[in-house]
Amino acid sequence: MDSLLGFKTKINKAKFNLKSMKKALQLLLLFTLIACLSSCNSEDKQLADNINMYSNTWDEIINNGKLELFDNTRFDEDITLIMSPENVVGITNVQEFYANYLTGFSNIEFTIVDVFGQGDKIMKHWNFKGTHSGDFFGIPATGKMVDIDGVTLVKMKNGKITQEQDFMDNMAFMQQLGILSSPDNVSIIDGMYKSFATGDVPAVLAAFDANIIWNEAENFPYADRNPYKGPDAVVDGVFARLGSEWDYWNLVDIELHDMANDQVLATGRYQAKYKKNGKTIDAQFAHLWTLKEGKVLNFQQYADTKQVTDVVGK
């Protein structure tokens, strides 16, 4: 009997200990959950504060020109812009770097399209619009409009901006500035010469802007109506006269040279036979084409005018 009572007592003690352990575990889990929630809330608040400060800072600097905001309350002393061939390091150097945008562009519109982050890292998708109206890293004003998108990877440290790395289409940016030409320009001009060689004048005219300005070389027989304005003027004053006055007018040995400012330089030779006297020419030429958005805006001819005028008799 005593043994049975002792066994029951041990069971009751075990049940009590189990209940105590369960309660202790529940309390531990509760404290852990509270600590995690507190930590998560703190991290979320820090990230939200970082994003808010970051977004406001760049809005004020770029859109409102407040370069004085490059200070040690918003930027780490060793703020670093990751770029090639050399990083930009330090608040003063970063300030001088971005001053180029404010002196180089007017009518600036800087928009943070989207921004988000995790921990001490932020990523922003941005858009920059402006008119290149001043010196920009040594590039004289072109008057060109730019509209470029990019992404920036950001690192924060103690609530301050400590590192940035921009990713953007630099080729498109340079093309919009007019420093680099559209990669399609050469193929457009090449297609025009090929169409001219086969007598496909409509295909040639299709590449002309409606307001094209065309100039023949000074002292060239057809320079008498310079400047030709519009495709119809070019057809009537140049193409029609070439067709009626010459047995043939061929352009050979053509070489195309991609230039800055959306220009293409073509060099080659004119080989032609004049109908009135049967005399021929084999003369050098250079054509400077200026394009915009795939259309020819301007044409300037340079040629061996003496050889041509000798044959024509003028």
C-alpha atoms as a PDB file:
ATOM      1  CA  MET A   1       0.000   0.000   0.000  1.00  0.00           C
ATOM      2  CA  ASP A   2       2.786   2.388   0.942  1.00  0.00           C
ATOM      3  CA  SER A   3       4.534   1.570  -2.327  1.00  0.00           C
ATOM      4  CA  LEU A   4       1.428   2.445  -4.284  1.00  0.00           C
ATOM      5  CA  LEU A   5       1.070   5.751  -2.468  1.00  0.00           C
ATOM      6  CA  GLY A   6       4.748   6.527  -3.143  1.00  0.00           C
ATOM      7  CA  PHE A   7       4.347   5.765  -6.823  1.00  0.00           C
ATOM      8  CA  LYS A   8       1.303   8.055  -7.049  1.00  0.00           C
ATOM      9  CA  THR A   9       3.220  10.791  -5.286  1.00  0.00           C
ATOM     10  CA  LYS A  10       6.069  10.493  -7.821  1.00  0.00           C
ATOM     11  CA  ILE A  11       3.576  10.670 -10.704  1.00  0.00           C
ATOM     12  CA  ASN A  12       1.977  13.806  -9.256  1.00  0.00           C
ATOM     13  CA  LYS A  13       5.408  15.405  -8.833  1.00  0.00           C
ATOM     14  CA  ALA A  14       6.289  14.536 -12.436  1.00  0.00           C
ATOM     15  CA  LYS A  15       3.026  16.077 -13.650  1.00  0.00           C
ATOM     16  CA  PHE A  16       3.760  19.228 -11.665  1.00  0.00           C
ATOM     17  CA  ASN A  17       7.283  19.442 -13.077  1.00  0.00           C
ATOM     18  CA  LEU A  18       5.948  18.934 -16.617  1.00  0.00           C
ATOM     19  CA  LYS A  19       3.403  21.719 -16.146  1.00  0.00           C
ATOM     20  CA  SER A  20       6.136  23.980 -14.786  1.00  0.00           C
ATOM     21  CA  MET A  21       8.345  23.198 -17.779  1.00  0.00           C
ATOM     22  CA  LYS A  22       5.509  23.901 -20.204  1.00  0.00           C
ATOM     23  CA  LYS A  23       4.794  27.218 -18.505  1.00  0.00           C
ATOM     24  CA  ALA A  24       8.479  28.099 -18.553  1.00  0.00           C
ATOM     25  CA  LEU A  25       8.724  27.210 -22.242  1.00  0.00           C
ATOM     26  CA  GLN A  26       5.625  29.276 -23.020  1.00  0.00           C
ATOM     27  CA  LEU A  27       7.094  32.227 -21.173  1.00  0.00           C
ATOM     28  CA  LEU A  28      10.401  31.791 -23.005  1.00  0.00           C
ATOM     29  CA  LEU A  29       8.662  31.660 -26.377  1.00  0.00           C
ATOM     30  CA  LEU A  30       6.612  34.722 -25.471  1.00  0.00           C
ATOM     31  CA  PHE A  31       9.714  36.684 -24.464  1.00  0.00           C
ATOM     32  CA  THR A  32      11.508  35.559 -27.629  1.00  0.00           C
ATOM     33  CA  LEU A  33       8.565  36.599 -29.787  1.00  0.00           C
ATOM     34  CA  ILE A  34       8.377  39.983 -28.056  1.00  0.00           C
ATOM     35  CA  ALA A  35      12.118  40.466 -28.534  1.00  0.00           C
ATOM     36  CA  CYS A  36      11.902  39.477 -32.226  1.00  0.00           C
ATOM     37  CA  LEU A  37       8.936  41.783 -32.825  1.00  0.00           C
ATOM     38  CA  SER A  38      10.714  44.590 -31.032  1.00  0.00           C
ATOM     39  CA  SER A  39      13.881  43.999 -33.081  1.00  0.00           C
ATOM     40  CA  CYS A  40      11.951  43.699 -36.357  1.00  0.00           C
ATOM     41  CA  ASN A  41       9.998  46.845 -35.604  1.00  0.00           C
ATOM     42  CA  SER A  42      13.232  48.637 -34.818  1.00  0.00           C
ATOM     43  CA  GLU A  43      14.871  47.430 -38.038  1.00  0.00           C
ATOM     44  CA  ASP A  44      11.792  48.315 -40.089  1.00  0.00           C
ATOM     45  CA  LYS A  45      11.714  51.779 -38.540  1.00  0.00           C
ATOM     46  CA  GLN A  46      15.429  52.272 -39.243  1.00  0.00           C
ATOM     47  CA  LEU A  47      14.962  51.209 -42.883  1.00  0.00           C
ATOM     48  CA  ALA A  48      11.961  53.507 -43.269  1.00  0.00           C
ATOM     49  CA  ASP A  49      13.932  56.387 -41.738  1.00  0.00           C
ATOM     50  CA  ASN A  50      16.880  55.666 -44.034  1.00  0.00           C
ATOM     51  CA  ILE A  51      14.707  55.617 -47.153  1.00  0.00           C
ATOM     52  CA  ASN A  52      12.888  58.792 -46.129  1.00  0.00           C
ATOM     53  CA  MET A  53      16.111  60.683 -45.398  1.00  0.00           C
ATOM     54  CA  TYR A  54      17.781  59.352 -48.533  1.00  0.00           C
ATOM     55  CA  SER A  55      14.898  60.242 -50.864  1.00  0.00           C
ATOM     56  CA  ASN A  56      14.447  63.739 -49.421  1.00  0.00           C
ATOM     57  CA  THR A  57      18.183  64.431 -49.550  1.00  0.00           C
ATOM     58  CA  TRP A  58      18.552  63.651 -53.252  1.00  0.00           C
ATOM     59  CA  ASP A  59      15.318  65.437 -54.136  1.00  0.00           C
ATOM     60  CA  GLU A  60      16.620  68.612 -52.482  1.00  0.00           C
ATOM     61  CA  ILE A  61      20.126  68.321 -53.934  1.00  0.00           C
ATOM     62  CA  ILE A  62      19.227  67.612 -57.559  1.00  0.00           C
ATOM     63  CA  ASN A  63      15.864  69.308 -58.012  1.00  0.00           C
ATOM     64  CA  ASN A  64      16.502  72.310 -55.765  1.00  0.00           C
ATOM     65  CA  GLY A  65      20.261  72.632 -56.154  1.00  0.00           C
ATOM     66  CA  LYS A  66      21.023  72.398 -52.428  1.00  0.00           C
ATOM     67  CA  LEU A  67      24.661  71.303 -52.581  1.00  0.00           C
ATOM     68  CA  GLU A  68      25.043  72.389 -48.956  1.00  0.00           C
ATOM     69  CA  LEU A  69      23.215  69.199 -47.976  1.00  0.00           C
ATOM     70  CA  PHE A  70      26.432  67.310 -48.650  1.00  0.00           C
ATOM     71  CA  ASP A  71      27.342  67.303 -44.973  1.00  0.00           C
ATOM     72  CA  ASN A  72      28.277  64.833 -42.267  1.00  0.00           C
ATOM     73  CA  THR A  73      24.727  64.602 -40.922  1.00  0.00           C
ATOM     74  CA  ARG A  74      23.543  62.879 -44.111  1.00  0.00           C
ATOM     75  CA  PHE A  75      26.731  61.447 -45.578  1.00  0.00           C
ATOM     76  CA  ASP A  76      29.453  59.341 -44.023  1.00  0.00           C
ATOM     77  CA  GLU A  77      32.833  61.094 -44.031  1.00  0.00           C
ATOM     78  CA  ASP A  78      34.144  58.355 -46.326  1.00  0.00           C
ATOM     79  CA  ILE A  79      31.158  58.341 -48.689  1.00  0.00           C
ATOM     80  CA  THR A  80      32.245  56.457 -51.813  1.00  0.00           C
ATOM     81  CA  LEU A  81      30.873  56.550 -55.341  1.00  0.00           C
ATOM     82  CA  ILE A  82      31.816  53.248 -56.986  1.00  0.00           C
ATOM     83  CA  MET A  83      32.815  53.936 -60.580  1.00  0.00           C
ATOM     84  CA  SER A  84      35.413  53.255 -63.235  1.00  0.00           C
ATOM     85  CA  PRO A  85      38.281  53.928 -63.616  1.00  0.00           C
ATOM     86  CA  GLU A  86      38.474  55.449 -60.134  1.00  0.00           C
ATOM     87  CA  ASN A  87      36.108  55.788 -57.194  1.00  0.00           C
ATOM     88  CA  VAL A  88      35.078  59.191 -55.858  1.00  0.00           C
ATOM     89  CA  VAL A  89      35.689  59.296 -52.095  1.00  0.00           C
ATOM     90  CA  GLY A  90      34.832  61.872 -49.434  1.00  0.00           C
ATOM     91  CA  ILE A  91      32.017  64.370 -48.948  1.00  0.00           C
ATOM     92  CA  THR A  92      33.788  67.279 -50.677  1.00  0.00           C
ATOM     93  CA  ASN A  93      34.749  65.212 -53.723  1.00  0.00           C
ATOM     94  CA  VAL A  94      31.245  63.777 -54.062  1.00  0.00           C
ATOM     95  CA  GLN A  95      29.783  67.274 -53.765  1.00  0.00           C
ATOM     96  CA  GLU A  96      32.086  68.527 -56.551  1.00  0.00           C
ATOM     97  CA  PHE A  97      31.135  65.530 -58.693  1.00  0.00           C
ATOM     98  CA  TYR A  98      27.409  66.226 -58.526  1.00  0.00           C
ATOM     99  CA  ALA A  99      27.916  69.977 -58.939  1.00  0.00           C
ATOM    100  CA  ASN A 100      28.645  69.163 -62.587  1.00  0.00           C
ATOM    101  CA  TYR A 101      25.033  68.101 -63.052  1.00  0.00           C
ATOM    102  CA  LEU A 102      23.687  71.316 -61.558  1.00  0.00           C
ATOM    103  CA  THR A 103      25.969  73.570 -63.612  1.00  0.00           C
ATOM    104  CA  GLY A 104      25.687  71.432 -66.737  1.00  0.00           C
ATOM    105  CA  PHE A 105      21.902  71.118 -66.901  1.00  0.00           C
ATOM    106  CA  SER A 106      18.872  73.364 -66.583  1.00  0.00           C
ATOM    107  CA  ASN A 107      15.177  72.465 -66.381  1.00  0.00           C
ATOM    108  CA  ILE A 108      16.174  69.520 -64.222  1.00  0.00           C
ATOM    109  CA  GLU A 109      13.571  66.955 -63.234  1.00  0.00           C
ATOM    110  CA  PHE A 110      14.919  64.183 -61.008  1.00  0.00           C
ATOM    111  CA  THR A 111      12.388  61.543 -60.033  1.00  0.00           C
ATOM    112  CA  ILE A 112      12.799  58.538 -57.774  1.00  0.00           C
ATOM    113  CA  VAL A 113      10.490  56.120 -59.554  1.00  0.00           C
ATOM    114  CA  ASP A 114      10.791  53.398 -56.897  1.00  0.00           C
ATOM    115  CA  VAL A 115      12.889  52.795 -53.801  1.00  0.00           C
ATOM    116  CA  PHE A 116      13.094  49.879 -51.395  1.00  0.00           C
ATOM    117  CA  GLY A 117      15.630  48.163 -49.199  1.00  0.00           C
ATOM    118  CA  GLN A 118      16.660  45.531 -46.707  1.00  0.00           C
ATOM    119  CA  GLY A 119      18.801  46.077 -43.666  1.00  0.00           C
ATOM    120  CA  ASP A 120      21.374  48.774 -44.429  1.00  0.00           C
ATOM    121  CA  LYS A 121      20.970  48.449 -48.210  1.00  0.00           C
ATOM    122  CA  ILE A 122      18.720  50.554 -50.431  1.00  0.00           C
ATOM    123  CA  MET A 123      17.989  50.328 -54.143  1.00  0.00           C
ATOM    124  CA  LYS A 124      16.405  53.141 -56.136  1.00  0.00           C
ATOM    125  CA  HIS A 125      15.105  53.348 -59.698  1.00  0.00           C
ATOM    126  CA  TRP A 126      15.421  56.945 -60.901  1.00  0.00           C
ATOM    127  CA  ASN A 127      14.822  59.145 -63.938  1.00  0.00           C
ATOM    128  CA  PHE A 128      16.776  62.276 -64.864  1.00  0.00           C
ATOM    129  CA  LYS A 129      15.611  64.899 -67.348  1.00  0.00           C
ATOM    130  CA  GLY A 130      17.316  68.163 -68.249  1.00  0.00           C
ATOM    131  CA  THR A 131      18.714  70.490 -70.898  1.00  0.00           C
ATOM    132  CA  HIS A 132      22.473  70.450 -71.444  1.00  0.00           C
ATOM    133  CA  SER A 133      22.942  74.208 -71.138  1.00  0.00           C
ATOM    134  CA  GLY A 134      26.311  74.485 -69.392  1.00  0.00           C
ATOM    135  CA  ASP A 135      29.710  72.891 -68.956  1.00  0.00           C
ATOM    136  CA  PHE A 136      29.329  69.237 -67.937  1.00  0.00           C
ATOM    137  CA  PHE A 137      32.578  67.545 -66.930  1.00  0.00           C
ATOM    138  CA  GLY A 138      34.360  69.678 -69.524  1.00  0.00           C
ATOM    139  CA  ILE A 139      31.762  69.077 -72.251  1.00  0.00           C
ATOM    140  CA  PRO A 140      30.506  72.441 -73.622  1.00  0.00           C
ATOM    141  CA  ALA A 141      26.757  73.007 -73.731  1.00  0.00           C
ATOM    142  CA  THR A 142      25.012  71.327 -76.639  1.00  0.00           C
ATOM    143  CA  GLY A 143      21.458  72.457 -75.909  1.00  0.00           C
ATOM    144  CA  LYS A 144      20.393  68.814 -76.110  1.00  0.00           C
ATOM    145  CA  MET A 145      17.624  67.372 -73.965  1.00  0.00           C
ATOM    146  CA  VAL A 146      18.348  64.205 -72.009  1.00  0.00           C
ATOM    147  CA  ASP A 147      15.889  61.729 -70.537  1.00  0.00           C
ATOM    148  CA  ILE A 148      17.654  58.797 -68.907  1.00  0.00           C
ATOM    149  CA  ASP A 149      16.718  56.052 -66.431  1.00  0.00           C
ATOM    150  CA  GLY A 150      19.041  54.338 -64.005  1.00  0.00           C
ATOM    151  CA  VAL A 151      19.378  52.271 -60.856  1.00  0.00           C
ATOM    152  CA  THR A 152      21.513  53.030 -57.798  1.00  0.00           C
ATOM    153  CA  LEU A 153      22.685  50.544 -55.180  1.00  0.00           C
ATOM    154  CA  VAL A 154      23.118  52.243 -51.816  1.00  0.00           C
ATOM    155  CA  LYS A 155      24.728  51.302 -48.508  1.00  0.00           C
ATOM    156  CA  MET A 156      23.843  53.066 -45.279  1.00  0.00           C
ATOM    157  CA  LYS A 157      25.857  53.268 -42.080  1.00  0.00           C
ATOM    158  CA  ASN A 158      24.473  54.629 -38.813  1.00  0.00           C
ATOM    159  CA  GLY A 159      21.693  56.401 -40.690  1.00  0.00           C
ATOM    160  CA  LYS A 160      24.083  58.014 -43.183  1.00  0.00           C
ATOM    161  CA  ILE A 161      24.805  57.392 -46.863  1.00  0.00           C
ATOM    162  CA  THR A 162      28.152  55.619 -47.092  1.00  0.00           C
ATOM    163  CA  GLN A 163      28.289  54.119 -50.596  1.00  0.00           C
ATOM    164  CA  GLU A 164      26.545  54.461 -53.952  1.00  0.00           C
ATOM    165  CA  GLN A 165      26.912  52.710 -57.296  1.00  0.00           C
ATOM    166  CA  ASP A 166      24.971  53.879 -60.352  1.00  0.00           C
ATOM    167  CA  PHE A 167      23.925  51.689 -63.258  1.00  0.00           C
ATOM    168  CA  MET A 168      22.680  53.421 -66.429  1.00  0.00           C
ATOM    169  CA  ASP A 169      22.926  53.230 -70.218  1.00  0.00           C
ATOM    170  CA  ASN A 170      25.963  55.488 -70.696  1.00  0.00           C
ATOM    171  CA  MET A 171      25.880  54.931 -74.456  1.00  0.00           C
ATOM    172  CA  ALA A 172      22.314  56.260 -74.658  1.00  0.00           C
ATOM    173  CA  PHE A 173      23.255  59.168 -72.379  1.00  0.00           C
ATOM    174  CA  MET A 174      26.181  60.159 -74.623  1.00  0.00           C
ATOM    175  CA  GLN A 175      24.002  59.818 -77.708  1.00  0.00           C
ATOM    176  CA  GLN A 176      21.360  62.090 -76.205  1.00  0.00           C
ATOM    177  CA  LEU A 177      24.067  64.648 -75.453  1.00  0.00           C
ATOM    178  CA  GLY A 178      25.193  64.410 -79.060  1.00  0.00           C
ATOM    179  CA  ILE A 179      28.664  63.218 -78.067  1.00  0.00           C
ATOM    180  CA  LEU A 180      28.044  59.833 -79.618  1.00  0.00           C
ATOM    181  CA  SER A 181      25.882  59.309 -82.651  1.00  0.00           C
ATOM    182  CA  SER A 182      23.082  56.834 -83.089  1.00  0.00           C
ATOM    183  CA  PRO A 183      24.482  53.468 -84.224  1.00  0.00           C
ATOM    184  CA  ASP A 184      21.819  53.420 -86.969  1.00  0.00           C
ATOM    185  CA  ASN A 185      23.088  56.547 -88.732  1.00  0.00           C
ATOM    186  CA  VAL A 186      25.742  54.874 -90.859  1.00  0.00           C
ATOM    187  CA  SER A 187      23.388  52.146 -92.042  1.00  0.00           C
ATOM    188  CA  ILE A 188      20.762  54.758 -92.970  1.00  0.00           C
ATOM    189  CA  ILE A 189      23.239  56.704 -95.121  1.00  0.00           C
ATOM    190  CA  ASP A 190      24.616  53.489 -96.603  1.00  0.00           C
ATOM    191  CA  GLY A 191      21.092  52.484 -97.601  1.00  0.00           C
ATOM    192  CA  MET A 192      20.542  55.863 -99.260  1.00  0.00           C
ATOM    193  CA  TYR A 193      23.655  55.505-101.436  1.00  0.00           C
ATOM    194  CA  LYS A 194      22.625  51.996-102.454  1.00  0.00           C
ATOM    195  CA  SER A 195      19.136  53.222-103.358  1.00  0.00           C
ATOM    196  CA  PHE A 196      20.602  56.118-105.376  1.00  0.00           C
ATOM    197  CA  ALA A 197      22.848  53.663-107.262  1.00  0.00           C
ATOM    198  CA  THR A 198      19.800  51.659-108.390  1.00  0.00           C
ATOM    199  CA  GLY A 199      17.768  54.733-109.243  1.00  0.00           C
ATOM    200  CA  ASP A 200      15.321  54.222-106.372  1.00  0.00           C
ATOM    201  CA  VAL A 201      14.742  57.904-105.663  1.00  0.00           C
ATOM    202  CA  PRO A 202      11.620  57.334-103.484  1.00  0.00           C
ATOM    203  CA  ALA A 203      13.735  55.213-101.113  1.00  0.00           C
ATOM    204  CA  VAL A 204      16.315  58.015-100.930  1.00  0.00           C
ATOM    205  CA  LEU A 205      13.645  60.611-100.194  1.00  0.00           C
ATOM    206  CA  ALA A 206      12.140  58.388 -97.495  1.00  0.00           C
ATOM    207  CA  ALA A 207      15.224  59.064 -95.384  1.00  0.00           C
ATOM    208  CA  PHE A 208      14.843  62.848 -95.694  1.00  0.00           C
ATOM    209  CA  ASP A 209      13.292  65.000 -93.009  1.00  0.00           C
ATOM    210  CA  ALA A 210      10.410  67.097 -94.342  1.00  0.00           C
ATOM    211  CA  ASN A 211      12.472  70.225 -93.618  1.00  0.00           C
ATOM    212  CA  ILE A 212      15.826  69.013 -94.908  1.00  0.00           C
ATOM    213  CA  ILE A 213      18.359  71.733 -95.778  1.00  0.00           C
ATOM    214  CA  TRP A 214      20.601  70.731 -98.711  1.00  0.00           C
ATOM    215  CA  ASN A 215      23.697  72.645 -99.858  1.00  0.00           C
ATOM    216  CA  GLU A 216      25.823  71.920-102.907  1.00  0.00           C
ATOM    217  CA  ALA A 217      29.513  72.867-102.806  1.00  0.00           C
ATOM    218  CA  GLU A 218      30.304  76.481-103.625  1.00  0.00           C
ATOM    219  CA  ASN A 219      30.994  76.940-107.384  1.00  0.00           C
ATOM    220  CA  PHE A 220      29.413  73.534-108.124  1.00  0.00           C
ATOM    221  CA  PRO A 221      27.031  73.763-111.128  1.00  0.00           C
ATOM    222  CA  TYR A 222      23.968  73.135-108.960  1.00  0.00           C
ATOM    223  CA  ALA A 223      24.910  75.481-106.114  1.00  0.00           C
ATOM    224  CA  ASP A 224      22.890  78.211-107.838  1.00  0.00           C
ATOM    225  CA  ARG A 225      19.789  77.396-105.781  1.00  0.00           C
ATOM    226  CA  ASN A 226      21.436  76.893-102.379  1.00  0.00           C
ATOM    227  CA  PRO A 227      20.067  76.207 -99.887  1.00  0.00           C
ATOM    228  CA  TYR A 228      17.541  73.658-101.099  1.00  0.00           C
ATOM    229  CA  LYS A 229      14.731  73.401 -98.573  1.00  0.00           C
ATOM    230  CA  GLY A 230      12.640  70.263 -98.465  1.00  0.00           C
ATOM    231  CA  PRO A 231      12.756  67.021-100.489  1.00  0.00           C
ATOM    232  CA  ASP A 232      10.892  68.463-103.499  1.00  0.00           C
ATOM    233  CA  ALA A 233      13.475  71.223-103.925  1.00  0.00           C
ATOM    234  CA  VAL A 234      16.291  68.646-103.871  1.00  0.00           C
ATOM    235  CA  VAL A 235      14.525  66.491-106.478  1.00  0.00           C
ATOM    236  CA  ASP A 236      13.805  69.396-108.830  1.00  0.00           C
ATOM    237  CA  GLY A 237      17.063  71.263-108.400  1.00  0.00           C
ATOM    238  CA  VAL A 238      19.600  68.448-108.087  1.00  0.00           C
ATOM    239  CA  PHE A 239      18.356  64.969-108.936  1.00  0.00           C
ATOM    240  CA  ALA A 240      16.318  66.003-111.985  1.00  0.00           C
ATOM    241  CA  ARG A 241      19.175  68.027-113.446  1.00  0.00           C
ATOM    242  CA  LEU A 242      21.657  65.205-112.874  1.00  0.00           C
ATOM    243  CA  GLY A 243      19.331  62.839-114.724  1.00  0.00           C
ATOM    244  CA  SER A 244      18.676  65.158-117.673  1.00  0.00           C
ATOM    245  CA  GLU A 245      22.180  66.610-118.185  1.00  0.00           C
ATOM    246  CA  TRP A 246      24.403  63.580-117.615  1.00  0.00           C
ATOM    247  CA  ASP A 247      24.487  60.186-119.323  1.00  0.00           C
ATOM    248  CA  TYR A 248      25.402  58.683-115.978  1.00  0.00           C
ATOM    249  CA  TRP A 249      26.398  59.980-112.552  1.00  0.00           C
ATOM    250  CA  ASN A 250      27.944  57.280-110.382  1.00  0.00           C
ATOM    251  CA  LEU A 251      29.303  57.461-106.841  1.00  0.00           C
ATOM    252  CA  VAL A 252      32.145  54.976-106.270  1.00  0.00           C
ATOM    253  CA  ASP A 253      34.719  54.087-103.608  1.00  0.00           C
ATOM    254  CA  ILE A 254      32.347  55.326-100.923  1.00  0.00           C
ATOM    255  CA  GLU A 255      33.603  55.187 -97.345  1.00  0.00           C
ATOM    256  CA  LEU A 256      31.389  56.134 -94.407  1.00  0.00           C
ATOM    257  CA  HIS A 257      32.745  57.662 -91.211  1.00  0.00           C
ATOM    258  CA  ASP A 258      30.648  57.841 -88.040  1.00  0.00           C
ATOM    259  CA  MET A 259      30.976  61.289 -86.478  1.00  0.00           C
ATOM    260  CA  ALA A 260      29.812  62.946 -83.253  1.00  0.00           C
ATOM    261  CA  ASN A 261      26.628  65.014 -83.067  1.00  0.00           C
ATOM    262  CA  ASP A 262      24.665  62.516 -85.199  1.00  0.00           C
ATOM    263  CA  GLN A 263      26.707  63.228 -88.287  1.00  0.00           C
ATOM    264  CA  VAL A 264      28.095  60.892 -90.927  1.00  0.00           C
ATOM    265  CA  LEU A 265      30.916  61.821 -93.288  1.00  0.00           C
ATOM    266  CA  ALA A 266      30.979  60.075 -96.660  1.00  0.00           C
ATOM    267  CA  THR A 267      34.014  60.231 -98.940  1.00  0.00           C
ATOM    268  CA  GLY A 268      34.326  58.857-102.466  1.00  0.00           C
ATOM    269  CA  ARG A 269      34.490  59.779-106.141  1.00  0.00           C
ATOM    270  CA  TYR A 270      32.084  61.023-108.780  1.00  0.00           C
ATOM    271  CA  GLN A 271      32.363  59.232-112.108  1.00  0.00           C
ATOM    272  CA  ALA A 272      30.085  60.805-114.697  1.00  0.00           C
ATOM    273  CA  LYS A 273      29.658  61.619-118.419  1.00  0.00           C
ATOM    274  CA  TYR A 274      28.262  64.953-119.576  1.00  0.00           C
ATOM    275  CA  LYS A 275      25.684  64.644-122.380  1.00  0.00           C
ATOM    276  CA  LYS A 276      26.459  67.852-124.303  1.00  0.00           C
ATOM    277  CA  ASN A 277      30.107  67.086-125.056  1.00  0.00           C
ATOM    278  CA  GLY A 278      30.677  63.489-123.978  1.00  0.00           C
ATOM    279  CA  LYS A 279      33.376  64.543-121.506  1.00  0.00           C
ATOM    280  CA  THR A 280      33.801  62.581-118.304  1.00  0.00           C
ATOM    281  CA  ILE A 281      34.853  63.350-114.750  1.00  0.00           C
ATOM    282  CA  ASP A 282      36.530  61.344-112.022  1.00  0.00           C
ATOM    283  CA  ALA A 283      36.367  63.751-109.097  1.00  0.00           C
ATOM    284  CA  GLN A 284      36.734  63.500-105.349  1.00  0.00           C
ATOM    285  CA  PHE A 285      33.805  64.341-103.068  1.00  0.00           C
ATOM    286  CA  ALA A 286      32.891  64.504 -99.402  1.00  0.00           C
ATOM    287  CA  HIS A 287      29.329  64.588 -98.072  1.00  0.00           C
ATOM    288  CA  LEU A 288      28.495  65.630 -94.527  1.00  0.00           C
ATOM    289  CA  TRP A 289      25.121  64.302 -93.396  1.00  0.00           C
ATOM    290  CA  THR A 290      23.361  65.400 -90.196  1.00  0.00           C
ATOM    291  CA  LEU A 291      20.591  63.200 -88.834  1.00  0.00           C
ATOM    292  CA  LYS A 292      17.999  63.270 -86.106  1.00  0.00           C
ATOM    293  CA  GLU A 293      15.881  60.321 -85.026  1.00  0.00           C
ATOM    294  CA  GLY A 294      16.681  58.422 -88.215  1.00  0.00           C
ATOM    295  CA  LYS A 295      15.995  61.259 -90.669  1.00  0.00           C
ATOM    296  CA  VAL A 296      18.414  63.478 -92.609  1.00  0.00           C
ATOM    297  CA  LEU A 297      18.184  67.100 -91.469  1.00  0.00           C
ATOM    298  CA  ASN A 298      21.128  68.598 -93.369  1.00  0.00           C
ATOM    299  CA  PHE A 299      23.413  67.795 -96.281  1.00  0.00           C
ATOM    300  CA  GLN A 300      26.611  69.610 -97.228  1.00  0.00           C
ATOM    301  CA  GLN A 301      28.609  68.686-100.311  1.00  0.00           C
ATOM    302  CA  TYR A 302      32.345  69.262-100.755  1.00  0.00           C
ATOM    303  CA  ALA A 303      33.767  68.422-104.188  1.00  0.00           C
ATOM    304  CA  ASP A 304      36.425  69.008-106.851  1.00  0.00           C
ATOM    305  CA  THR A 305      34.354  71.763-108.430  1.00  0.00           C
ATOM    306  CA  LYS A 306      37.047  72.820-110.933  1.00  0.00           C
ATOM    307  CA  GLN A 307      37.011  69.462-112.693  1.00  0.00           C
ATOM    308  CA  VAL A 308      33.220  69.509-112.927  1.00  0.00           C
ATOM    309  CA  THR A 309      32.966  73.098-114.151  1.00  0.00           C
ATOM    310  CA  ASP A 310      35.720  72.459-116.731  1.00  0.00           C
ATOM    311  CA  VAL A 311      33.612  69.658-118.205  1.00  0.00           C
ATOM    312  CA  VAL A 312      30.372  71.601-118.061  1.00  0.00           C
ATOM    313  CA  GLY A 313      32.044  74.688-119.504  1.00  0.00           C
ATOM    314  CA  LYS A 314      31.067  77.199-116.829  1.00  0.00           C
END
